[in-house]
Amino acid sequence: MSTTLTIPANVISDVREALFCLMGDATHEIVGTLTQPERELYPEWFETDRRRLEDVFALLDLIGWAADGESREVEVDPREHGRSLKEAVDGYLPLLADQEEEADANDAWRAEQGRPPRKDEIIMSALALGEFAALVEQRFREVR
């Protein structure tokens, strides 16, 4: 059994977006905790989401924060990053499904703006990320 998990180049941008979404979820939860009375007495209320943020930052450091170049595959340790990677990808797949459902309407609007359609791109992204999600699930179970 390999000790690493390869994030294929063709899903890096979607993994990055998934991590940004997970970052948003964690920060939203922290904001909710900040509104609680006596929050300063219970730092443990912040632990889970703080860990989520730290894990997201570590993964973004590995794969790259910016989508400013050609994507490359990235090796990660599933023992260290599997949980966050799985959580991010599992949370992002429904968003891609929503984009696919709305693609026809959005592509009609894009055509009016003189921009190319995205439906095929969204479908391909969803398929590739779905395949990667299955691999992440398998590897995550193996190392737990």
N, C-alpha and C. Protein backbone atom coordinates (compact mmCIF):
# COMPACT_ATOMS: atom_id res chain seq x y z
N MET A 1 0.84 -1.18 0.00
CA MET A 1 0.00 0.00 0.00
C MET A 1 0.89 1.24 0.00
N SER A 2 0.59 2.15 -0.88
CA SER A 2 1.34 3.40 -0.99
C SER A 2 1.03 4.29 0.21
N THR A 3 2.01 5.07 0.60
CA THR A 3 1.80 5.98 1.73
C THR A 3 1.38 7.37 1.28
N THR A 4 1.22 7.57 -0.02
CA THR A 4 0.78 8.86 -0.52
C THR A 4 -0.47 8.70 -1.37
N LEU A 5 -1.11 9.81 -1.59
CA LEU A 5 -2.27 9.89 -2.45
C LEU A 5 -1.98 10.98 -3.48
N THR A 6 -2.18 10.66 -4.73
CA THR A 6 -1.92 11.62 -5.80
C THR A 6 -3.20 12.37 -6.14
N ILE A 7 -3.13 13.69 -6.05
CA ILE A 7 -4.23 14.53 -6.54
C ILE A 7 -3.89 14.81 -8.00
N PRO A 8 -4.70 14.28 -8.94
CA PRO A 8 -4.39 14.48 -10.35
C PRO A 8 -4.46 15.96 -10.75
N ALA A 9 -3.66 16.31 -11.72
CA ALA A 9 -3.61 17.70 -12.19
C ALA A 9 -4.98 18.20 -12.64
N ASN A 10 -5.78 17.31 -13.25
CA ASN A 10 -7.07 17.76 -13.78
C ASN A 10 -8.12 18.06 -12.71
N VAL A 11 -7.84 17.75 -11.44
CA VAL A 11 -8.80 18.09 -10.39
C VAL A 11 -8.24 19.10 -9.38
N ILE A 12 -7.01 19.51 -9.57
CA ILE A 12 -6.39 20.45 -8.62
C ILE A 12 -7.23 21.71 -8.45
N SER A 13 -7.71 22.29 -9.54
CA SER A 13 -8.48 23.55 -9.40
C SER A 13 -9.78 23.32 -8.62
N ASP A 14 -10.43 22.18 -8.85
CA ASP A 14 -11.66 21.89 -8.10
C ASP A 14 -11.34 21.58 -6.64
N VAL A 15 -10.24 20.89 -6.38
CA VAL A 15 -9.83 20.63 -5.00
C VAL A 15 -9.54 21.96 -4.29
N ARG A 16 -8.89 22.86 -4.98
CA ARG A 16 -8.60 24.19 -4.41
C ARG A 16 -9.91 24.90 -4.05
N GLU A 17 -10.84 24.91 -4.97
CA GLU A 17 -12.13 25.55 -4.70
C GLU A 17 -12.85 24.87 -3.55
N ALA A 18 -12.76 23.54 -3.50
CA ALA A 18 -13.38 22.79 -2.41
C ALA A 18 -12.77 23.18 -1.07
N LEU A 19 -11.46 23.38 -1.05
CA LEU A 19 -10.78 23.79 0.17
C LEU A 19 -11.20 25.20 0.57
N PHE A 20 -11.36 26.10 -0.40
CA PHE A 20 -11.83 27.44 -0.07
C PHE A 20 -13.24 27.39 0.52
N CYS A 21 -14.08 26.51 -0.01
CA CYS A 21 -15.43 26.35 0.55
C CYS A 21 -15.36 25.82 1.99
N LEU A 22 -14.50 24.84 2.22
CA LEU A 22 -14.33 24.30 3.56
C LEU A 22 -13.81 25.38 4.52
N MET A 23 -12.92 26.23 4.02
CA MET A 23 -12.42 27.34 4.81
C MET A 23 -13.59 28.26 5.19
N GLY A 24 -14.45 28.52 4.25
CA GLY A 24 -15.61 29.36 4.52
C GLY A 24 -16.54 28.75 5.56
N ASP A 25 -16.75 27.43 5.46
CA ASP A 25 -17.59 26.76 6.44
C ASP A 25 -17.01 26.89 7.85
N ALA A 26 -15.69 26.67 7.96
CA ALA A 26 -15.04 26.74 9.27
C ALA A 26 -15.10 28.16 9.83
N THR A 27 -14.86 29.15 8.98
CA THR A 27 -14.88 30.53 9.47
C THR A 27 -16.30 30.94 9.87
N HIS A 28 -17.29 30.44 9.14
CA HIS A 28 -18.68 30.72 9.49
C HIS A 28 -18.99 30.17 10.88
N GLU A 29 -18.53 28.97 11.16
CA GLU A 29 -18.75 28.36 12.48
C GLU A 29 -18.03 29.15 13.56
N ILE A 30 -16.82 29.61 13.28
CA ILE A 30 -16.08 30.41 14.26
C ILE A 30 -16.81 31.71 14.54
N VAL A 31 -17.34 32.34 13.51
CA VAL A 31 -18.11 33.57 13.71
C VAL A 31 -19.31 33.29 14.61
N GLY A 32 -19.96 32.16 14.40
CA GLY A 32 -21.09 31.79 15.26
C GLY A 32 -20.66 31.61 16.71
N THR A 33 -19.53 31.00 16.91
CA THR A 33 -19.01 30.81 18.27
C THR A 33 -18.65 32.15 18.90
N LEU A 34 -18.15 33.07 18.09
CA LEU A 34 -17.78 34.39 18.61
C LEU A 34 -18.97 35.15 19.19
N THR A 35 -20.16 34.82 18.75
CA THR A 35 -21.35 35.53 19.25
C THR A 35 -21.86 34.94 20.56
N GLN A 36 -21.28 33.85 21.02
CA GLN A 36 -21.74 33.20 22.25
C GLN A 36 -21.24 33.95 23.48
N PRO A 37 -22.09 34.08 24.49
CA PRO A 37 -21.62 34.71 25.72
C PRO A 37 -20.55 33.84 26.38
N GLU A 38 -19.64 34.46 27.03
CA GLU A 38 -18.57 33.79 27.78
C GLU A 38 -17.67 32.92 26.91
N ARG A 39 -17.59 33.25 25.62
CA ARG A 39 -16.75 32.48 24.69
C ARG A 39 -15.30 32.44 25.14
N GLU A 40 -14.87 33.49 25.82
CA GLU A 40 -13.48 33.54 26.26
C GLU A 40 -13.18 32.50 27.35
N LEU A 41 -14.20 31.97 27.96
CA LEU A 41 -14.01 30.96 29.01
C LEU A 41 -13.93 29.54 28.44
N TYR A 42 -14.26 29.39 27.18
CA TYR A 42 -14.33 28.06 26.57
C TYR A 42 -13.57 27.99 25.25
N PRO A 43 -12.25 28.07 25.29
CA PRO A 43 -11.48 28.00 24.04
C PRO A 43 -11.70 26.70 23.28
N GLU A 44 -12.15 25.67 23.97
CA GLU A 44 -12.42 24.40 23.29
C GLU A 44 -13.56 24.50 22.29
N TRP A 45 -14.41 25.51 22.42
CA TRP A 45 -15.47 25.71 21.45
C TRP A 45 -14.91 26.01 20.06
N PHE A 46 -13.69 26.50 20.01
CA PHE A 46 -13.05 26.87 18.75
C PHE A 46 -12.18 25.76 18.16
N GLU A 47 -11.90 24.73 18.93
CA GLU A 47 -10.90 23.73 18.54
C GLU A 47 -11.18 23.06 17.20
N THR A 48 -12.38 22.57 16.99
CA THR A 48 -12.68 21.81 15.78
C THR A 48 -12.50 22.68 14.54
N ASP A 49 -13.05 23.87 14.57
CA ASP A 49 -12.95 24.71 13.37
C ASP A 49 -11.57 25.32 13.21
N ARG A 50 -10.88 25.53 14.30
CA ARG A 50 -9.49 25.97 14.19
C ARG A 50 -8.66 24.88 13.51
N ARG A 51 -8.87 23.63 13.92
CA ARG A 51 -8.16 22.51 13.29
C ARG A 51 -8.52 22.43 11.81
N ARG A 52 -9.79 22.60 11.49
CA ARG A 52 -10.21 22.56 10.08
C ARG A 52 -9.48 23.62 9.27
N LEU A 53 -9.41 24.84 9.81
CA LEU A 53 -8.71 25.92 9.11
C LEU A 53 -7.23 25.61 8.94
N GLU A 54 -6.59 25.15 10.00
CA GLU A 54 -5.16 24.82 9.91
C GLU A 54 -4.92 23.73 8.88
N ASP A 55 -5.80 22.73 8.83
CA ASP A 55 -5.67 21.65 7.85
C ASP A 55 -5.87 22.16 6.43
N VAL A 56 -6.84 23.04 6.25
CA VAL A 56 -7.08 23.62 4.93
C VAL A 56 -5.87 24.43 4.48
N PHE A 57 -5.33 25.25 5.38
CA PHE A 57 -4.16 26.05 5.04
C PHE A 57 -2.99 25.16 4.64
N ALA A 58 -2.78 24.07 5.38
CA ALA A 58 -1.68 23.16 5.07
C ALA A 58 -1.86 22.53 3.69
N LEU A 59 -3.09 22.13 3.35
CA LEU A 59 -3.34 21.55 2.03
C LEU A 59 -3.17 22.59 0.93
N LEU A 60 -3.65 23.79 1.16
CA LEU A 60 -3.47 24.85 0.16
C LEU A 60 -2.00 25.18 -0.03
N ASP A 61 -1.23 25.12 1.04
CA ASP A 61 0.21 25.33 0.92
C ASP A 61 0.84 24.26 0.02
N LEU A 62 0.32 23.02 0.12
CA LEU A 62 0.85 21.92 -0.70
C LEU A 62 0.45 22.04 -2.17
N ILE A 63 -0.82 22.31 -2.42
CA ILE A 63 -1.28 22.29 -3.81
C ILE A 63 -1.12 23.64 -4.49
N GLY A 64 -0.95 24.69 -3.70
CA GLY A 64 -0.84 26.04 -4.24
C GLY A 64 -2.14 26.80 -4.06
N TRP A 65 -2.01 28.00 -3.60
CA TRP A 65 -3.18 28.85 -3.34
C TRP A 65 -3.73 29.44 -4.63
N ALA A 66 -2.89 29.77 -5.55
CA ALA A 66 -3.32 30.49 -6.75
C ALA A 66 -3.47 29.55 -7.93
N ALA A 67 -4.45 29.84 -8.73
CA ALA A 67 -4.68 29.08 -9.96
C ALA A 67 -4.08 29.85 -11.12
N ASP A 68 -2.83 30.25 -10.98
CA ASP A 68 -2.22 31.14 -11.96
C ASP A 68 -1.26 30.45 -12.92
N GLY A 69 -1.26 29.16 -12.93
CA GLY A 69 -0.35 28.46 -13.82
C GLY A 69 -0.93 27.14 -14.24
N GLU A 70 -0.10 26.36 -14.85
CA GLU A 70 -0.53 25.04 -15.29
C GLU A 70 -0.64 24.13 -14.07
N SER A 71 -1.73 23.39 -13.99
CA SER A 71 -1.92 22.47 -12.87
C SER A 71 -0.96 21.31 -12.97
N ARG A 72 -0.55 20.84 -11.83
CA ARG A 72 0.33 19.68 -11.76
C ARG A 72 -0.24 18.74 -10.71
N GLU A 73 0.07 17.46 -10.85
CA GLU A 73 -0.39 16.54 -9.82
C GLU A 73 0.42 16.77 -8.55
N VAL A 74 -0.21 16.47 -7.41
CA VAL A 74 0.41 16.71 -6.12
C VAL A 74 0.24 15.47 -5.26
N GLU A 75 1.31 15.08 -4.60
CA GLU A 75 1.29 13.95 -3.67
C GLU A 75 0.98 14.47 -2.27
N VAL A 76 0.05 13.81 -1.58
CA VAL A 76 -0.26 14.16 -0.20
C VAL A 76 -0.29 12.89 0.63
N ASP A 77 -0.08 13.04 1.90
CA ASP A 77 -0.14 11.93 2.84
C ASP A 77 -1.59 11.80 3.31
N PRO A 78 -2.26 10.70 2.99
CA PRO A 78 -3.66 10.58 3.38
C PRO A 78 -3.87 10.48 4.89
N ARG A 79 -2.85 10.06 5.63
CA ARG A 79 -2.97 10.03 7.09
C ARG A 79 -3.03 11.44 7.65
N GLU A 80 -2.29 12.34 7.03
CA GLU A 80 -2.23 13.71 7.50
C GLU A 80 -3.35 14.58 6.91
N HIS A 81 -3.67 14.36 5.64
CA HIS A 81 -4.60 15.26 4.94
C HIS A 81 -5.89 14.60 4.45
N GLY A 82 -6.02 13.30 4.67
CA GLY A 82 -7.17 12.58 4.13
C GLY A 82 -8.51 13.09 4.62
N ARG A 83 -8.61 13.35 5.91
CA ARG A 83 -9.89 13.79 6.48
C ARG A 83 -10.33 15.12 5.87
N SER A 84 -9.43 16.07 5.81
CA SER A 84 -9.76 17.39 5.25
C SER A 84 -10.05 17.31 3.76
N LEU A 85 -9.26 16.53 3.06
CA LEU A 85 -9.46 16.36 1.62
C LEU A 85 -10.81 15.74 1.35
N LYS A 86 -11.16 14.71 2.10
CA LYS A 86 -12.46 14.05 1.94
C LYS A 86 -13.60 15.01 2.26
N GLU A 87 -13.48 15.73 3.36
CA GLU A 87 -14.52 16.67 3.75
C GLU A 87 -14.72 17.76 2.69
N ALA A 88 -13.62 18.27 2.17
CA ALA A 88 -13.69 19.33 1.16
C ALA A 88 -14.33 18.82 -0.13
N VAL A 89 -13.84 17.70 -0.63
CA VAL A 89 -14.34 17.16 -1.90
C VAL A 89 -15.80 16.74 -1.77
N ASP A 90 -16.14 16.06 -0.67
CA ASP A 90 -17.53 15.65 -0.47
C ASP A 90 -18.47 16.84 -0.39
N GLY A 91 -17.99 17.95 0.17
CA GLY A 91 -18.82 19.14 0.26
C GLY A 91 -18.94 19.90 -1.05
N TYR A 92 -17.95 19.74 -1.92
CA TYR A 92 -17.93 20.49 -3.18
C TYR A 92 -18.70 19.78 -4.30
N LEU A 93 -18.77 18.46 -4.26
CA LEU A 93 -19.47 17.73 -5.33
C LEU A 93 -20.93 18.18 -5.51
N PRO A 94 -21.68 18.41 -4.43
CA PRO A 94 -23.06 18.90 -4.63
C PRO A 94 -23.11 20.28 -5.30
N LEU A 95 -22.09 21.10 -5.06
CA LEU A 95 -22.06 22.41 -5.72
C LEU A 95 -21.86 22.26 -7.23
N LEU A 96 -21.01 21.31 -7.61
CA LEU A 96 -20.85 21.04 -9.05
C LEU A 96 -22.13 20.48 -9.65
N ALA A 97 -22.83 19.64 -8.89
CA ALA A 97 -24.11 19.11 -9.38
C ALA A 97 -25.11 20.25 -9.59
N ASP A 98 -25.13 21.20 -8.67
CA ASP A 98 -26.01 22.37 -8.82
C ASP A 98 -25.62 23.19 -10.06
N GLN A 99 -24.32 23.38 -10.26
CA GLN A 99 -23.86 24.12 -11.44
C GLN A 99 -24.28 23.41 -12.72
N GLU A 100 -24.20 22.08 -12.71
CA GLU A 100 -24.61 21.32 -13.90
C GLU A 100 -26.10 21.50 -14.18
N GLU A 101 -26.91 21.49 -13.12
CA GLU A 101 -28.36 21.68 -13.28
C GLU A 101 -28.69 23.06 -13.85
N GLU A 102 -27.91 24.03 -13.48
CA GLU A 102 -28.16 25.42 -13.90
C GLU A 102 -27.41 25.79 -15.17
N ALA A 103 -26.63 24.87 -15.71
CA ALA A 103 -25.72 25.19 -16.82
C ALA A 103 -26.46 25.67 -18.07
N ASP A 104 -27.57 25.05 -18.42
CA ASP A 104 -28.27 25.47 -19.63
C ASP A 104 -28.70 26.94 -19.54
N ALA A 105 -29.29 27.30 -18.41
CA ALA A 105 -29.73 28.70 -18.23
C ALA A 105 -28.53 29.63 -18.19
N ASN A 106 -27.51 29.24 -17.48
CA ASN A 106 -26.31 30.08 -17.39
C ASN A 106 -25.61 30.20 -18.74
N ASP A 107 -25.58 29.11 -19.51
CA ASP A 107 -24.94 29.16 -20.81
C ASP A 107 -25.71 30.04 -21.79
N ALA A 108 -27.04 30.08 -21.65
CA ALA A 108 -27.84 30.98 -22.50
C ALA A 108 -27.47 32.42 -22.18
N TRP A 109 -27.34 32.73 -20.90
CA TRP A 109 -26.94 34.08 -20.49
C TRP A 109 -25.51 34.38 -20.97
N ARG A 110 -24.61 33.41 -20.84
CA ARG A 110 -23.23 33.59 -21.30
C ARG A 110 -23.20 33.86 -22.81
N ALA A 111 -24.04 33.17 -23.56
CA ALA A 111 -24.08 33.37 -25.01
C ALA A 111 -24.51 34.80 -25.33
N GLU A 112 -25.48 35.32 -24.57
CA GLU A 112 -25.90 36.71 -24.77
C GLU A 112 -24.76 37.69 -24.51
N GLN A 113 -23.86 37.31 -23.64
CA GLN A 113 -22.71 38.15 -23.30
C GLN A 113 -21.52 37.91 -24.24
N GLY A 114 -21.71 36.98 -25.20
CA GLY A 114 -20.63 36.66 -26.13
C GLY A 114 -19.56 35.76 -25.50
N ARG A 115 -19.92 35.05 -24.45
CA ARG A 115 -18.97 34.18 -23.76
C ARG A 115 -19.28 32.72 -24.08
N PRO A 116 -18.28 31.85 -24.03
CA PRO A 116 -18.50 30.44 -24.38
C PRO A 116 -19.28 29.69 -23.30
N PRO A 117 -19.95 28.63 -23.69
CA PRO A 117 -20.69 27.82 -22.71
C PRO A 117 -19.75 27.06 -21.78
N ARG A 118 -20.27 26.66 -20.63
CA ARG A 118 -19.46 25.94 -19.64
C ARG A 118 -20.01 24.58 -19.27
N LYS A 119 -21.17 24.20 -19.82
CA LYS A 119 -21.81 22.97 -19.36
C LYS A 119 -20.89 21.76 -19.51
N ASP A 120 -20.26 21.58 -20.65
CA ASP A 120 -19.39 20.43 -20.85
C ASP A 120 -18.23 20.44 -19.86
N GLU A 121 -17.67 21.62 -19.63
CA GLU A 121 -16.56 21.77 -18.66
C GLU A 121 -17.02 21.36 -17.26
N ILE A 122 -18.21 21.78 -16.87
CA ILE A 122 -18.75 21.46 -15.55
C ILE A 122 -18.98 19.96 -15.43
N ILE A 123 -19.53 19.34 -16.46
CA ILE A 123 -19.78 17.90 -16.45
C ILE A 123 -18.47 17.14 -16.31
N MET A 124 -17.47 17.54 -17.06
CA MET A 124 -16.17 16.86 -16.99
C MET A 124 -15.53 17.04 -15.61
N SER A 125 -15.64 18.22 -15.05
CA SER A 125 -15.11 18.47 -13.71
C SER A 125 -15.81 17.61 -12.68
N ALA A 126 -17.13 17.53 -12.77
CA ALA A 126 -17.89 16.73 -11.81
C ALA A 126 -17.52 15.25 -11.92
N LEU A 127 -17.37 14.76 -13.12
CA LEU A 127 -16.98 13.35 -13.30
C LEU A 127 -15.59 13.08 -12.74
N ALA A 128 -14.64 13.93 -13.07
CA ALA A 128 -13.26 13.74 -12.60
C ALA A 128 -13.18 13.85 -11.08
N LEU A 129 -13.87 14.84 -10.51
CA LEU A 129 -13.83 14.99 -9.06
C LEU A 129 -14.56 13.85 -8.36
N GLY A 130 -15.62 13.36 -8.98
CA GLY A 130 -16.33 12.20 -8.42
C GLY A 130 -15.44 10.96 -8.36
N GLU A 131 -14.68 10.73 -9.43
CA GLU A 131 -13.73 9.61 -9.44
C GLU A 131 -12.65 9.81 -8.38
N PHE A 132 -12.16 11.02 -8.26
CA PHE A 132 -11.15 11.30 -7.25
C PHE A 132 -11.72 11.12 -5.85
N ALA A 133 -12.97 11.54 -5.64
CA ALA A 133 -13.61 11.40 -4.33
C ALA A 133 -13.68 9.93 -3.92
N ALA A 134 -13.97 9.05 -4.88
CA ALA A 134 -14.01 7.61 -4.57
C ALA A 134 -12.63 7.12 -4.15
N LEU A 135 -11.60 7.59 -4.80
CA LEU A 135 -10.23 7.22 -4.44
C LEU A 135 -9.87 7.75 -3.05
N VAL A 136 -10.23 8.99 -2.77
CA VAL A 136 -9.97 9.57 -1.46
C VAL A 136 -10.67 8.74 -0.39
N GLU A 137 -11.91 8.40 -0.62
CA GLU A 137 -12.68 7.58 0.33
C GLU A 137 -11.97 6.27 0.60
N GLN A 138 -11.54 5.60 -0.45
CA GLN A 138 -10.86 4.31 -0.31
C GLN A 138 -9.57 4.47 0.50
N ARG A 139 -8.75 5.43 0.12
CA ARG A 139 -7.46 5.63 0.79
C ARG A 139 -7.68 6.08 2.25
N PHE A 140 -8.68 6.90 2.47
CA PHE A 140 -8.96 7.37 3.84
C PHE A 140 -9.35 6.19 4.73
N ARG A 141 -10.17 5.28 4.21
CA ARG A 141 -10.53 4.08 4.99
C ARG A 141 -9.33 3.20 5.27
N GLU A 142 -8.43 3.11 4.32
CA GLU A 142 -7.24 2.27 4.48
C GLU A 142 -6.30 2.77 5.58
N VAL A 143 -6.20 4.07 5.72
CA VAL A 143 -5.23 4.61 6.68
C VAL A 143 -5.84 4.94 8.04
N ARG A 144 -7.13 4.87 8.18
CA ARG A 144 -7.75 5.17 9.48
C ARG A 144 -7.51 4.07 10.45
